[in-house]
N, C-alpha and C. Protein backbone atom coordinates (compact mmCIF):
# COMPACT_ATOMS: atom_id res chain seq x y z
N MET A 1 50.17 93.88 89.13
CA MET A 1 51.50 94.14 89.65
C MET A 1 52.29 92.84 89.55
N SER A 2 53.38 92.84 88.81
CA SER A 2 54.15 91.64 88.59
C SER A 2 55.34 91.59 89.56
N GLN A 3 55.72 90.42 89.92
CA GLN A 3 56.89 90.21 90.78
C GLN A 3 58.13 90.26 89.94
N PRO A 4 59.23 90.87 90.43
CA PRO A 4 60.45 90.96 89.66
C PRO A 4 61.06 89.56 89.48
N ASP A 5 61.63 89.32 88.32
CA ASP A 5 62.40 88.08 88.09
C ASP A 5 63.78 88.23 88.67
N ILE A 6 64.03 87.45 89.72
CA ILE A 6 65.34 87.52 90.37
C ILE A 6 65.80 86.06 90.65
N THR A 7 67.00 85.79 90.26
CA THR A 7 67.56 84.43 90.44
C THR A 7 67.93 84.25 91.90
N PRO A 8 68.04 83.00 92.33
CA PRO A 8 68.44 82.74 93.71
C PRO A 8 69.82 83.33 94.07
N GLU A 9 70.73 83.36 93.11
CA GLU A 9 72.06 83.97 93.31
C GLU A 9 71.93 85.45 93.55
N LYS A 10 71.13 86.11 92.73
CA LYS A 10 70.96 87.58 92.88
C LYS A 10 70.18 87.84 94.19
N ALA A 11 69.23 87.01 94.54
CA ALA A 11 68.51 87.19 95.77
C ALA A 11 69.47 87.10 96.98
N GLN A 12 70.42 86.20 96.92
CA GLN A 12 71.39 86.02 97.97
C GLN A 12 72.29 87.24 98.05
N GLN A 13 72.72 87.76 96.88
CA GLN A 13 73.54 88.97 96.86
C GLN A 13 72.81 90.17 97.39
N TYR A 14 71.52 90.27 97.01
CA TYR A 14 70.67 91.37 97.48
C TYR A 14 70.54 91.34 99.01
N TRP A 15 70.30 90.14 99.55
CA TRP A 15 70.17 90.00 101.00
C TRP A 15 71.44 90.31 101.67
N ALA A 16 72.60 89.91 101.11
CA ALA A 16 73.88 90.19 101.73
C ALA A 16 74.11 91.70 101.81
N ARG A 17 73.78 92.46 100.74
CA ARG A 17 73.97 93.92 100.74
C ARG A 17 73.01 94.55 101.71
N THR A 18 71.73 94.11 101.71
CA THR A 18 70.74 94.68 102.61
C THR A 18 71.06 94.40 104.05
N SER A 19 71.44 93.17 104.35
CA SER A 19 71.79 92.86 105.76
C SER A 19 73.09 93.57 106.19
N GLY A 20 74.03 93.78 105.30
CA GLY A 20 75.23 94.54 105.61
C GLY A 20 74.87 95.99 106.00
N LEU A 21 73.98 96.55 105.24
CA LEU A 21 73.50 97.94 105.56
C LEU A 21 72.79 97.96 106.89
N MET A 22 72.00 96.92 107.16
CA MET A 22 71.31 96.83 108.45
C MET A 22 72.28 96.80 109.61
N TRP A 23 73.36 95.97 109.50
CA TRP A 23 74.33 95.89 110.57
C TRP A 23 75.10 97.19 110.78
N ILE A 24 75.37 97.93 109.71
CA ILE A 24 75.98 99.24 109.81
C ILE A 24 75.06 100.19 110.60
N MET A 25 73.75 100.16 110.27
CA MET A 25 72.80 101.02 110.98
C MET A 25 72.70 100.62 112.44
N LEU A 26 72.70 99.36 112.76
CA LEU A 26 72.64 98.92 114.13
C LEU A 26 73.88 99.34 114.87
N ALA A 27 75.03 99.32 114.25
CA ALA A 27 76.28 99.74 114.89
C ALA A 27 76.22 101.26 115.17
N ILE A 28 75.73 102.06 114.24
CA ILE A 28 75.57 103.48 114.46
C ILE A 28 74.60 103.72 115.61
N TRP A 29 73.49 103.02 115.59
CA TRP A 29 72.48 103.16 116.67
C TRP A 29 73.09 102.81 118.01
N PHE A 30 73.84 101.73 118.10
CA PHE A 30 74.45 101.29 119.35
C PHE A 30 75.42 102.32 119.87
N VAL A 31 76.29 102.79 118.98
CA VAL A 31 77.28 103.77 119.42
C VAL A 31 76.63 105.03 119.97
N PHE A 32 75.67 105.55 119.24
CA PHE A 32 75.04 106.83 119.66
C PHE A 32 73.94 106.66 120.67
N SER A 33 73.49 105.42 120.96
CA SER A 33 72.51 105.19 122.02
C SER A 33 73.15 104.83 123.35
N PHE A 34 74.22 104.11 123.28
CA PHE A 34 74.85 103.54 124.47
C PHE A 34 76.28 104.01 124.72
N ALA A 35 77.14 103.85 123.75
CA ALA A 35 78.54 104.13 123.97
C ALA A 35 78.81 105.62 124.29
N ILE A 36 78.18 106.54 123.55
CA ILE A 36 78.37 107.95 123.83
C ILE A 36 77.89 108.30 125.23
N HIS A 37 76.73 107.74 125.64
CA HIS A 37 76.18 108.03 126.92
C HIS A 37 76.98 107.38 128.05
N LEU A 38 77.60 106.28 127.82
CA LEU A 38 78.44 105.64 128.85
C LEU A 38 79.68 106.46 129.10
N PHE A 39 80.22 107.05 128.06
CA PHE A 39 81.42 107.87 128.19
C PHE A 39 81.18 109.35 128.30
N ALA A 40 79.91 109.71 128.51
CA ALA A 40 79.58 111.15 128.62
C ALA A 40 80.37 111.94 129.70
N PRO A 41 80.50 111.33 130.87
CA PRO A 41 81.28 112.06 131.91
C PRO A 41 82.71 112.37 131.50
N SER A 42 83.34 111.40 130.83
CA SER A 42 84.75 111.69 130.39
C SER A 42 84.79 112.61 129.20
N LEU A 43 83.70 112.74 128.44
CA LEU A 43 83.67 113.68 127.34
C LEU A 43 83.35 115.11 127.77
N ASN A 44 82.95 115.28 129.02
CA ASN A 44 82.53 116.59 129.54
C ASN A 44 83.70 117.56 129.66
N VAL A 45 84.97 117.09 129.53
CA VAL A 45 86.09 118.04 129.60
C VAL A 45 86.17 118.89 128.34
N ILE A 46 85.52 118.45 127.25
CA ILE A 46 85.47 119.21 126.01
C ILE A 46 84.18 120.05 126.05
N HIS A 47 84.32 121.34 125.65
CA HIS A 47 83.12 122.19 125.64
C HIS A 47 82.85 122.70 124.23
N ILE A 48 81.55 122.68 123.86
CA ILE A 48 81.07 123.19 122.59
C ILE A 48 80.00 124.21 122.87
N LEU A 49 80.23 125.44 122.43
CA LEU A 49 79.29 126.54 122.67
C LEU A 49 78.93 126.70 124.13
N GLY A 50 79.91 126.45 124.99
CA GLY A 50 79.74 126.59 126.41
C GLY A 50 79.12 125.39 127.12
N PHE A 51 78.70 124.36 126.37
CA PHE A 51 78.12 123.20 127.02
C PHE A 51 79.15 122.03 126.98
N PRO A 52 79.13 121.23 128.03
CA PRO A 52 80.03 120.08 128.02
C PRO A 52 79.65 119.12 126.86
N PHE A 53 80.65 118.60 126.19
CA PHE A 53 80.44 117.77 125.00
C PHE A 53 79.63 116.51 125.31
N GLY A 54 79.81 115.88 126.46
CA GLY A 54 79.05 114.71 126.83
C GLY A 54 77.56 115.03 126.97
N PHE A 55 77.28 116.20 127.56
CA PHE A 55 75.90 116.62 127.71
C PHE A 55 75.28 116.93 126.33
N TYR A 56 76.07 117.61 125.50
CA TYR A 56 75.58 117.95 124.12
C TYR A 56 75.28 116.69 123.36
N MET A 57 76.15 115.71 123.35
CA MET A 57 75.92 114.47 122.63
C MET A 57 74.73 113.71 123.17
N ALA A 58 74.53 113.71 124.45
CA ALA A 58 73.40 113.00 125.02
C ALA A 58 72.07 113.71 124.73
N ALA A 59 72.12 115.05 124.72
CA ALA A 59 70.84 115.79 124.52
C ALA A 59 70.51 116.07 123.09
N GLN A 60 71.51 116.40 122.25
CA GLN A 60 71.23 116.86 120.91
C GLN A 60 71.96 116.02 119.83
N GLY A 61 73.17 115.75 120.07
CA GLY A 61 74.00 115.10 119.07
C GLY A 61 73.48 113.76 118.62
N SER A 62 73.00 112.96 119.52
CA SER A 62 72.47 111.63 119.17
C SER A 62 71.23 111.75 118.26
N LEU A 63 70.38 112.69 118.60
CA LEU A 63 69.19 112.91 117.77
C LEU A 63 69.50 113.37 116.36
N ILE A 64 70.51 114.24 116.24
CA ILE A 64 70.94 114.68 114.94
C ILE A 64 71.49 113.53 114.10
N VAL A 65 72.30 112.70 114.76
CA VAL A 65 72.86 111.55 114.03
C VAL A 65 71.77 110.59 113.63
N TYR A 66 70.75 110.36 114.46
CA TYR A 66 69.66 109.46 114.10
C TYR A 66 68.93 109.92 112.83
N VAL A 67 68.63 111.22 112.78
CA VAL A 67 67.90 111.80 111.62
C VAL A 67 68.74 111.67 110.37
N VAL A 68 70.03 112.06 110.42
CA VAL A 68 70.91 111.96 109.28
C VAL A 68 71.07 110.49 108.84
N ALA A 69 71.19 109.58 109.83
CA ALA A 69 71.34 108.13 109.51
C ALA A 69 70.12 107.59 108.81
N LEU A 70 68.95 108.03 109.23
CA LEU A 70 67.70 107.55 108.63
C LEU A 70 67.62 107.97 107.12
N PHE A 71 67.95 109.22 106.85
CA PHE A 71 67.93 109.65 105.46
C PHE A 71 68.99 108.96 104.64
N TRP A 72 70.21 108.74 105.22
CA TRP A 72 71.24 108.03 104.51
C TRP A 72 70.82 106.57 104.24
N PHE A 73 70.24 105.93 105.25
CA PHE A 73 69.81 104.54 105.10
C PHE A 73 68.75 104.44 103.98
N SER A 74 67.79 105.33 103.96
CA SER A 74 66.76 105.31 102.96
C SER A 74 67.34 105.44 101.56
N LYS A 75 68.26 106.40 101.40
CA LYS A 75 68.89 106.62 100.11
C LYS A 75 69.69 105.44 99.67
N ARG A 76 70.47 104.86 100.60
CA ARG A 76 71.33 103.72 100.29
C ARG A 76 70.45 102.46 99.97
N GLN A 77 69.40 102.23 100.71
CA GLN A 77 68.55 101.09 100.44
C GLN A 77 67.86 101.20 99.08
N ASN A 78 67.44 102.41 98.73
CA ASN A 78 66.86 102.61 97.38
C ASN A 78 67.84 102.34 96.29
N GLU A 79 69.10 102.72 96.51
CA GLU A 79 70.18 102.41 95.49
C GLU A 79 70.36 100.91 95.38
N ILE A 80 70.34 100.18 96.48
CA ILE A 80 70.50 98.75 96.45
C ILE A 80 69.31 98.11 95.73
N ASP A 81 68.12 98.59 96.03
CA ASP A 81 66.88 98.08 95.38
C ASP A 81 66.94 98.30 93.84
N GLU A 82 67.35 99.47 93.45
CA GLU A 82 67.46 99.81 92.01
C GLU A 82 68.52 98.92 91.34
N GLU A 83 69.63 98.70 92.02
CA GLU A 83 70.72 97.87 91.46
C GLU A 83 70.25 96.44 91.18
N PHE A 84 69.36 95.91 92.02
CA PHE A 84 68.94 94.55 91.86
C PHE A 84 67.58 94.46 91.17
N GLY A 85 67.00 95.58 90.77
CA GLY A 85 65.75 95.57 90.03
C GLY A 85 64.51 95.28 90.87
N VAL A 86 64.55 95.61 92.15
CA VAL A 86 63.37 95.38 92.97
C VAL A 86 62.86 96.73 93.58
N ALA A 87 63.20 97.81 92.96
CA ALA A 87 62.78 99.14 93.44
C ALA A 87 61.30 99.30 93.18
N GLU A 88 60.66 100.05 94.05
CA GLU A 88 59.25 100.41 93.86
C GLU A 88 59.18 101.58 92.89
N ASP A 89 58.07 101.63 92.15
CA ASP A 89 57.85 102.71 91.23
C ASP A 89 57.48 103.99 91.91
């Protein structure tokens, strides 16, 4: 198994793209783990399917966002890996 040939400049660009993606994921995680739950009481004036919106986001919405975000992150990271030639076979 050979290591990919990557220049220091390309390695720096790769890390910048990867760390940017990581910060986006951390922001999504923070919003749906803390911000939504902090504002849940004020969101309860909105109702979805008979449930208060704050309750829905705390119980189900955050979990749905996490699953979608994980699949999106995986797809996006694979695209970055392929772009820089470090993708796994």
